[in-house]
Amino acid sequence: MSAPEVHALGTTPITSHAFNGDRSQVAVSLNSNDVTIYSRQGKEWNVTDTLSEHDKLITSIDWAPNSNRIVTSSQDRNAYVWQETQDPQTGKMVWKPTLVLLRVNRAATFVRWSPNEDKFAVATGARAIAICSYDEENNWWVSRHLKKPIRSTVLSIDWHPNNVLLAAGSADMKARVFSAYIKDVDSRPPPSVWGERLPFNTVCGEYSSPSGGWVHAVGFSPTGDVLAFASHDSTVSIVYPSGPVIYTIKLNSLPYVTLTWTAEDSLVAAGHDCQPIVFSGSAGGWQLVGTLDDTSTSKSNGGTRGFGVAGSQVGRLNSAAFHTFRQADSRGSSSPTSAAGSGATDTELLTVHQNTITSIRPFSGSAEKVDQVSTTGVDGRLAIWDVNNVAELTGKMGALRLH
């Protein structure tokens, strides 16, 4: 399989990333209160702008592809909309921020533009979701709150293609679908599998994490008729509301914290196991297909690592430290070499990402058929993957099939 395109943007964790419309620029948060914009120059990504306005850590970024506006959320309880305008003094293009008062008393955790780019949603720790739309008469962004029945921090959100429905995953172990219909902004949506009459704050669906874990990621399928969510109990659930049918895939790996659909019958999830995993299925059942990462060889010199014994699990658990503690627990041995061979002192993982993958986004293709996805992680790397290059998983995860 072909190797992914990998770029080391820094040595600090990347909290979030978002590309512009033509994928020539990427905005990232390097675990700070600034947004760093990189521009592609040949095969390299170079810093071209830094957006500094937030007082605390930026938690999420989204870049509207058509209007070319950036929205950011932060632990300072605010959001900013950034518009590129011409400086009247210098004539250069600069990013002008507009403060959005969310009217919350806790951190903003996640932000996404709606498909029509006329409003955006901000998840917060105040047990509320702020739906923000622009008031042209007063020249500011107005926020309305989705509150009931949220009981804890909202961790992720995703818009339905109809620009009205919004999925949310929260720390109260629930995934929900809300109506974010705003009378003066939205046209009345046609009936769907989620309902017909959709006034603001209508709960169109509520689904529990199978084993009581925080819901880290949610996502609508390209048609909007299917919902997927990933929980901290190492499960991925796919919901067909017309059934209603819920398929749950239980995994032996560490939990996933982000996911994206690549087609109506497939999605990619990633998280603490450091590699993007592909799932596929339909209304008849779902299964784990494989990984986009080739974990059979080292990513530094092209050879296999001594600590990666054949058939062992890959990802975060395949490290010298883990083998050392496992041997000490099961056999009373404290020698790392006895656990995994002469190369066990090397702690490099066999995955491209050397730490948790924090976000995964569509990179190329259409909404109905994504060809490539991009990932960023705690290791400071940006990777671009071909979704058709799927490899089998080694070890216990490779034998996992659940419908």
Protein backbone atom coordinates (compact mmCIF):
# COMPACT_ATOMS: atom_id res chain seq x y z
CA MET A 1 0.00 0.00 0.00
CA SER A 2 1.14 3.55 -0.71
CA ALA A 3 2.47 5.56 2.20
CA PRO A 4 0.53 8.58 3.49
CA GLU A 5 1.78 12.12 3.08
CA VAL A 6 3.23 13.11 6.46
CA HIS A 7 4.29 16.58 7.64
CA ALA A 8 5.77 17.50 11.03
CA LEU A 9 4.23 20.88 11.82
CA GLY A 10 5.75 21.12 15.29
CA THR A 11 6.79 19.33 18.43
CA THR A 12 3.74 20.40 20.42
CA PRO A 13 0.30 18.74 20.27
CA ILE A 14 -2.10 19.84 17.55
CA THR A 15 -5.47 20.44 19.16
CA SER A 16 -7.43 20.97 15.95
CA HIS A 17 -6.94 21.61 12.25
CA ALA A 18 -8.97 22.83 9.27
CA PHE A 19 -8.14 23.33 5.57
CA ASN A 20 -9.34 26.11 3.31
CA GLY A 21 -11.45 25.39 0.24
CA ASP A 22 -8.65 24.56 -2.23
CA ARG A 23 -6.47 22.85 0.42
CA SER A 24 -3.60 25.28 -0.16
CA GLN A 25 -3.69 26.44 3.46
CA VAL A 26 -4.30 24.79 6.81
CA ALA A 27 -5.12 26.41 10.15
CA VAL A 28 -3.96 24.57 13.28
CA SER A 29 -3.92 25.16 17.01
CA LEU A 30 -0.55 24.11 18.44
CA ASN A 31 -1.92 23.62 21.95
CA SER A 32 -1.94 27.38 22.54
CA ASN A 33 -4.20 30.42 22.34
CA ASP A 34 -3.04 31.23 18.78
CA VAL A 35 -4.09 29.91 15.39
CA THR A 36 -1.18 29.20 13.05
CA ILE A 37 -1.89 29.24 9.32
CA TYR A 38 0.42 27.22 7.07
CA SER A 39 0.56 27.61 3.29
CA ARG A 40 1.70 24.87 0.95
CA GLN A 41 4.84 25.77 -0.97
CA GLY A 42 5.86 22.79 -3.05
CA LYS A 43 6.04 19.82 -0.73
CA GLU A 44 6.48 21.93 2.39
CA TRP A 45 4.09 23.77 4.69
CA ASN A 46 5.34 27.16 5.84
CA VAL A 47 3.86 29.55 8.40
CA THR A 48 2.22 32.57 6.75
CA ASP A 49 -0.11 33.99 9.42
CA THR A 50 -0.75 33.81 13.16
CA LEU A 51 -4.18 34.71 14.52
CA SER A 52 -3.89 36.02 18.08
CA GLU A 53 -6.98 37.13 19.95
CA HIS A 54 -8.02 34.37 22.37
CA ASP A 55 -6.83 34.49 25.99
CA LYS A 56 -6.78 30.74 26.59
CA LEU A 57 -6.27 27.46 24.75
CA ILE A 58 -8.05 27.18 21.41
CA THR A 59 -10.14 24.01 21.43
CA SER A 60 -11.49 23.86 17.87
CA ILE A 61 -11.17 25.45 14.42
CA ASP A 62 -13.35 25.34 11.32
CA TRP A 63 -12.73 26.99 7.93
CA ALA A 64 -15.71 27.71 5.68
CA PRO A 65 -14.65 26.65 2.15
CA ASN A 66 -16.93 29.02 0.21
CA SER A 67 -16.98 32.21 2.28
CA ASN A 68 -13.35 31.70 3.38
CA ARG A 69 -14.15 32.57 7.00
CA ILE A 70 -12.50 30.90 9.98
CA VAL A 71 -14.30 30.33 13.26
CA THR A 72 -12.43 29.43 16.46
CA SER A 73 -13.56 28.40 19.93
CA SER A 74 -11.55 28.56 23.11
CA GLN A 75 -11.42 27.85 26.81
CA ASP A 76 -11.84 31.60 27.33
CA ARG A 77 -15.60 31.03 26.72
CA ASN A 78 -15.60 32.99 23.47
CA ALA A 79 -15.63 32.39 19.74
CA TYR A 80 -14.13 34.52 16.98
CA VAL A 81 -15.03 34.75 13.31
CA TRP A 82 -12.03 35.69 11.16
CA GLN A 83 -12.52 37.35 7.77
CA GLU A 84 -9.66 38.09 5.39
CA THR A 85 -9.85 41.77 4.39
CA GLN A 86 -7.53 44.34 2.82
CA ASP A 87 -5.62 46.62 5.18
CA PRO A 88 -6.37 50.21 4.04
CA GLN A 89 -2.90 51.41 5.10
CA THR A 90 -0.65 48.69 3.69
CA GLY A 91 -2.92 47.19 1.04
CA LYS A 92 -2.09 43.68 2.30
CA MET A 93 -4.68 41.04 3.08
CA VAL A 94 -5.06 40.56 6.85
CA TRP A 95 -7.35 38.47 9.03
CA LYS A 96 -9.85 40.64 10.92
CA PRO A 97 -11.47 39.06 14.03
CA THR A 98 -15.06 39.55 15.15
CA LEU A 99 -15.90 38.56 18.73
CA VAL A 100 -18.92 36.30 19.22
CA LEU A 101 -20.42 36.50 22.71
CA LEU A 102 -21.59 32.98 23.47
CA ARG A 103 -23.17 33.92 26.83
CA VAL A 104 -21.79 30.86 28.60
CA ASN A 105 -19.82 30.50 31.83
CA ARG A 106 -17.74 27.49 30.81
CA ALA A 107 -15.23 26.71 28.08
CA ALA A 108 -16.20 26.38 24.43
CA THR A 109 -15.13 22.89 23.33
CA PHE A 110 -16.02 22.40 19.65
CA VAL A 111 -17.16 24.50 16.69
CA ARG A 112 -18.49 23.81 13.18
CA TRP A 113 -19.91 25.90 10.34
CA SER A 114 -23.27 24.84 8.95
CA PRO A 115 -23.31 23.50 5.36
CA ASN A 116 -24.70 26.80 4.03
CA GLU A 117 -22.12 28.75 6.07
CA ASP A 118 -24.80 31.16 7.34
CA LYS A 119 -24.50 30.03 10.97
CA PHE A 120 -22.26 27.93 13.18
CA ALA A 121 -22.64 25.83 16.32
CA VAL A 122 -20.39 25.97 19.38
CA ALA A 123 -20.36 23.16 21.93
CA THR A 124 -19.63 24.23 25.50
CA GLY A 125 -19.01 22.96 29.00
CA ALA A 126 -22.05 24.91 30.22
CA ARG A 127 -24.43 22.08 29.23
CA ALA A 128 -25.47 24.06 26.17
CA ILE A 129 -24.81 24.46 22.46
CA ALA A 130 -24.68 28.00 21.08
CA ILE A 131 -26.20 28.37 17.60
CA CYS A 132 -24.77 31.59 16.17
CA SER A 133 -26.20 33.53 13.22
CA TYR A 134 -25.36 36.95 11.83
CA ASP A 135 -27.66 39.89 12.51
CA GLU A 136 -27.06 42.30 9.61
CA GLU A 137 -29.18 45.07 11.15
CA ASN A 138 -27.02 45.30 14.27
CA ASN A 139 -23.81 44.03 12.63
CA TRP A 140 -23.05 41.29 15.13
CA TRP A 141 -23.35 37.55 15.70
CA VAL A 142 -26.33 36.45 17.79
CA SER A 143 -26.25 33.20 19.78
CA ARG A 144 -29.22 31.04 20.74
CA HIS A 145 -28.84 28.11 23.12
CA LEU A 146 -29.80 24.46 22.82
CA LYS A 147 -30.02 23.32 26.44
CA LYS A 148 -32.55 20.61 27.25
CA PRO A 149 -31.93 17.75 27.97
CA ILE A 150 -28.11 18.12 28.01
CA ARG A 151 -26.68 17.19 31.41
CA SER A 152 -22.93 17.64 30.95
CA THR A 153 -20.18 19.05 28.73
CA VAL A 154 -20.83 18.78 24.99
CA LEU A 155 -17.73 17.28 23.38
CA SER A 156 -18.53 17.19 19.66
CA ILE A 157 -21.11 18.32 17.10
CA ASP A 158 -21.90 17.74 13.43
CA TRP A 159 -24.36 19.37 11.04
CA HIS A 160 -26.94 17.53 8.95
CA PRO A 161 -26.80 18.30 5.20
CA ASN A 162 -30.18 20.11 5.46
CA ASN A 163 -28.50 22.92 7.49
CA VAL A 164 -31.07 22.52 10.30
CA LEU A 165 -30.41 19.34 12.27
CA LEU A 166 -27.41 19.09 14.57
CA ALA A 167 -25.88 15.99 16.19
CA ALA A 168 -24.13 16.34 19.54
CA GLY A 169 -22.11 13.98 21.73
CA SER A 170 -21.61 14.82 25.38
CA ALA A 171 -20.09 13.67 28.63
CA ASP A 172 -23.50 12.59 29.95
CA MET A 173 -22.97 9.48 27.82
CA LYS A 174 -25.56 10.47 25.21
CA ALA A 175 -25.58 11.22 21.51
CA ARG A 176 -28.47 13.44 20.49
CA VAL A 177 -29.94 14.99 17.36
CA PHE A 178 -31.39 18.49 17.79
CA SER A 179 -33.23 20.91 15.57
CA ALA A 180 -31.32 24.18 15.20
CA TYR A 181 -33.97 25.77 13.00
CA ILE A 182 -33.89 29.60 13.05
CA LYS A 183 -36.94 31.19 11.48
CA ASP A 184 -35.24 34.25 10.00
CA VAL A 185 -32.25 32.29 8.67
CA ASP A 186 -33.41 28.86 7.52
CA SER A 187 -35.98 27.79 5.00
CA ARG A 188 -38.31 25.08 6.21
CA PRO A 189 -36.58 21.71 5.73
CA PRO A 190 -38.38 18.86 3.97
CA PRO A 191 -39.48 15.85 6.06
CA SER A 192 -36.73 13.33 6.80
CA VAL A 193 -36.16 10.19 8.83
CA TRP A 194 -35.51 12.49 11.81
CA GLY A 195 -38.96 14.09 11.76
CA GLU A 196 -41.20 16.59 10.03
CA ARG A 197 -41.93 19.50 12.36
CA LEU A 198 -38.63 20.83 13.68
CA PRO A 199 -38.93 23.92 15.90
CA PHE A 200 -35.79 25.10 17.64
CA ASN A 201 -34.46 22.75 20.38
CA THR A 202 -36.60 19.80 19.28
CA VAL A 203 -34.87 16.53 20.27
CA CYS A 204 -35.15 14.28 17.22
CA GLY A 205 -33.20 11.39 18.72
CA GLU A 206 -31.31 10.39 21.84
CA TYR A 207 -28.96 7.41 22.03
CA SER A 208 -26.92 6.08 24.94
CA SER A 209 -23.32 4.93 24.94
CA PRO A 210 -23.43 1.10 25.12
CA SER A 211 -21.32 0.81 28.29
CA GLY A 212 -21.65 4.29 29.70
CA GLY A 213 -18.73 6.15 28.14
CA TRP A 214 -18.40 9.78 27.14
CA VAL A 215 -19.43 10.34 23.52
CA HIS A 216 -16.31 11.86 21.97
CA ALA A 217 -17.34 12.10 18.31
CA VAL A 218 -20.52 12.23 16.24
CA GLY A 219 -21.14 12.39 12.51
CA PHE A 220 -23.98 12.30 9.96
CA SER A 221 -23.62 10.21 6.83
CA PRO A 222 -23.50 12.10 3.49
CA THR A 223 -27.29 11.78 3.07
CA GLY A 224 -27.95 12.57 6.72
CA ASP A 225 -30.05 9.43 7.18
CA VAL A 226 -27.50 7.63 9.40
CA LEU A 227 -25.70 8.76 12.54
CA ALA A 228 -22.41 7.40 13.88
CA PHE A 229 -20.85 8.11 17.27
CA ALA A 230 -17.74 6.95 19.11
CA SER A 231 -17.65 6.50 22.88
CA HIS A 232 -14.99 6.26 25.57
CA ASP A 233 -15.95 2.63 26.17
CA SER A 234 -14.10 1.74 22.93
CA THR A 235 -17.25 1.37 20.86
CA VAL A 236 -18.48 2.79 17.58
CA SER A 237 -22.27 2.91 17.14
CA ILE A 238 -24.19 3.40 13.89
CA VAL A 239 -27.83 4.51 14.16
CA TYR A 240 -30.54 4.01 11.54
CA PRO A 241 -33.48 6.02 12.92
CA SER A 242 -35.97 4.74 10.37
CA GLY A 243 -35.70 1.23 11.88
CA PRO A 244 -34.83 2.11 14.47
CA VAL A 245 -31.68 -0.03 14.37
CA ILE A 246 -28.41 0.56 16.22
CA TYR A 247 -25.26 -1.41 15.38
CA THR A 248 -22.48 -1.34 17.97
CA ILE A 249 -18.92 -2.43 17.22
CA LYS A 250 -16.96 -3.21 20.37
CA LEU A 251 -13.19 -2.96 20.06
CA ASN A 252 -10.16 -4.27 21.91
CA SER A 253 -8.26 -1.09 21.18
CA LEU A 254 -8.13 2.23 23.02
CA PRO A 255 -11.07 4.66 22.53
CA TYR A 256 -11.62 6.77 19.44
CA VAL A 257 -12.08 10.54 19.81
CA THR A 258 -12.80 11.60 16.22
CA LEU A 259 -14.52 10.20 13.12
CA THR A 260 -15.63 11.18 9.62
CA TRP A 261 -17.76 9.53 6.94
CA THR A 262 -16.09 8.77 3.61
CA ALA A 263 -19.21 7.40 1.87
CA GLU A 264 -22.73 6.35 2.77
CA ASP A 265 -21.43 2.88 3.61
CA SER A 266 -18.04 3.63 5.21
CA LEU A 267 -16.40 5.81 7.85
CA VAL A 268 -12.97 6.34 9.38
CA ALA A 269 -12.39 6.73 13.14
CA ALA A 270 -9.22 7.47 15.08
CA GLY A 271 -8.06 8.31 18.57
CA HIS A 272 -5.85 6.97 21.33
CA ASP A 273 -4.70 3.94 19.29
CA CYS A 274 -2.77 6.30 16.97
CA GLN A 275 -4.08 4.95 13.67
CA PRO A 276 -7.16 5.61 11.47
CA ILE A 277 -9.51 2.62 11.40
CA VAL A 278 -12.00 1.94 8.59
CA PHE A 279 -15.53 0.63 9.18
CA SER A 280 -17.98 -0.41 6.50
CA GLY A 281 -21.55 -1.64 6.34
CA SER A 282 -25.18 -0.93 5.58
CA ALA A 283 -28.59 -1.26 7.19
CA GLY A 284 -27.94 -5.00 7.27
CA GLY A 285 -24.85 -4.78 9.50
CA TRP A 286 -21.49 -3.13 10.08
CA GLN A 287 -17.95 -4.40 10.54
CA LEU A 288 -14.38 -3.27 11.06
CA VAL A 289 -12.57 -3.48 7.73
CA GLY A 290 -8.97 -2.53 8.51
CA THR A 291 -6.55 0.35 9.00
CA LEU A 292 -5.19 3.07 6.72
CA ASP A 293 -1.81 2.70 8.44
CA ASP A 294 0.69 -0.01 7.47
CA THR A 295 1.85 -1.16 10.91
CA SER A 296 4.12 -3.92 9.65
CA THR A 297 7.17 -1.67 9.25
CA SER A 298 8.85 1.14 11.11
CA LYS A 299 8.10 4.62 9.81
CA SER A 300 11.67 5.89 10.33
CA ASN A 301 13.93 3.55 8.39
CA GLY A 302 11.56 1.23 6.54
CA GLY A 303 12.38 -1.82 8.65
CA THR A 304 10.53 -3.63 11.38
CA ARG A 305 11.16 -2.79 15.00
CA GLY A 306 12.48 -5.42 17.33
CA PHE A 307 9.83 -4.75 19.94
CA GLY A 308 7.00 -5.42 17.44
CA VAL A 309 6.71 -9.19 17.59
CA ALA A 310 4.69 -10.82 14.83
CA GLY A 311 0.96 -10.82 15.46
CA SER A 312 1.16 -8.38 18.35
CA GLN A 313 -1.23 -5.49 18.75
CA VAL A 314 -0.25 -2.21 17.17
CA GLY A 315 -0.59 1.37 18.22
CA ARG A 316 -0.18 2.91 21.64
CA LEU A 317 0.12 -0.50 23.36
CA ASN A 318 3.07 -1.61 21.25
CA SER A 319 5.89 0.12 23.13
CA ALA A 320 8.87 -0.88 25.20
CA ALA A 321 7.32 0.51 28.37
CA PHE A 322 4.16 -1.52 27.90
CA HIS A 323 6.10 -4.76 27.29
CA THR A 324 8.26 -4.10 30.34
CA PHE A 325 5.30 -3.71 32.68
CA ARG A 326 3.47 -6.65 31.15
CA GLN A 327 6.47 -8.92 31.69
CA ALA A 328 6.93 -7.66 35.24
CA ASP A 329 3.29 -8.41 35.97
CA SER A 330 2.96 -11.83 34.32
CA ARG A 331 6.44 -13.34 34.69
CA GLY A 332 8.21 -11.25 37.28
CA SER A 333 10.70 -10.13 34.63
CA SER A 334 11.97 -6.57 34.53
CA SER A 335 14.11 -6.86 31.39
CA PRO A 336 12.55 -5.22 28.32
CA THR A 337 14.68 -7.33 25.98
CA SER A 338 13.24 -10.52 27.36
CA ALA A 339 9.77 -9.28 26.47
CA ALA A 340 10.25 -8.23 22.91
CA GLY A 341 13.71 -8.86 21.62
CA SER A 342 16.86 -6.82 21.36
CA GLY A 343 15.16 -3.72 19.98
CA ALA A 344 12.72 -3.26 22.86
CA THR A 345 14.50 -0.20 24.19
CA ASP A 346 13.26 1.72 21.16
CA THR A 347 9.92 3.33 22.04
CA GLU A 348 8.89 4.37 18.53
CA LEU A 349 5.46 3.07 17.56
CA LEU A 350 4.85 1.23 14.32
CA THR A 351 2.16 3.75 13.41
CA VAL A 352 2.63 7.03 11.52
CA HIS A 353 1.25 9.02 14.43
CA GLN A 354 3.28 8.54 17.59
CA ASN A 355 0.52 9.71 19.90
CA THR A 356 -3.24 10.24 20.05
CA ILE A 357 -4.96 11.41 16.85
CA THR A 358 -7.00 14.44 17.88
CA SER A 359 -8.90 15.25 14.68
CA ILE A 360 -9.72 13.72 11.32
CA ARG A 361 -11.23 15.69 8.42
CA PRO A 362 -12.16 15.00 4.77
CA PHE A 363 -9.38 16.24 2.48
CA SER A 364 -10.29 15.50 -1.14
CA GLY A 365 -13.21 14.12 -3.10
CA SER A 366 -16.88 15.00 -2.71
CA ALA A 367 -19.21 14.86 0.26
CA GLU A 368 -20.72 11.65 -1.15
CA LYS A 369 -17.36 10.00 -1.87
CA VAL A 370 -14.27 11.14 0.04
CA ASP A 371 -10.96 10.09 -1.54
CA GLN A 372 -8.54 11.31 1.13
CA VAL A 373 -8.71 12.26 4.79
CA SER A 374 -6.33 14.30 6.93
CA THR A 375 -5.36 13.65 10.54
CA THR A 376 -3.46 15.60 13.19
CA GLY A 377 -2.33 14.42 16.59
CA VAL A 378 -0.59 15.04 19.87
CA ASP A 379 2.72 14.24 18.15
CA GLY A 380 2.50 17.46 16.08
CA ARG A 381 2.14 15.63 12.77
CA LEU A 382 -0.25 16.20 9.88
CA ALA A 383 -0.95 13.14 7.73
CA ILE A 384 -3.00 12.79 4.54
CA TRP A 385 -4.37 9.29 3.84
CA ASP A 386 -5.88 7.60 0.81
CA VAL A 387 -9.11 5.99 2.08
CA ASN A 388 -8.83 3.19 -0.50
CA ASN A 389 -5.51 1.94 0.90
CA VAL A 390 -6.89 -0.28 3.65
CA ALA A 391 -4.62 -2.83 5.32
CA GLU A 392 -5.60 -5.67 7.61
CA LEU A 393 -5.18 -5.19 11.32
CA THR A 394 -2.73 -7.47 13.08
CA GLY A 395 -3.38 -9.24 16.33
CA LYS A 396 -6.70 -9.49 18.14
CA MET A 397 -8.32 -6.51 16.44
CA GLY A 398 -7.87 -8.12 13.04
CA ALA A 399 -10.22 -10.92 13.97
CA LEU A 400 -12.94 -8.60 15.28
CA ARG A 401 -16.20 -8.70 13.38
CA LEU A 402 -19.48 -7.63 14.91
CA HIS A 403 -22.78 -7.05 13.12
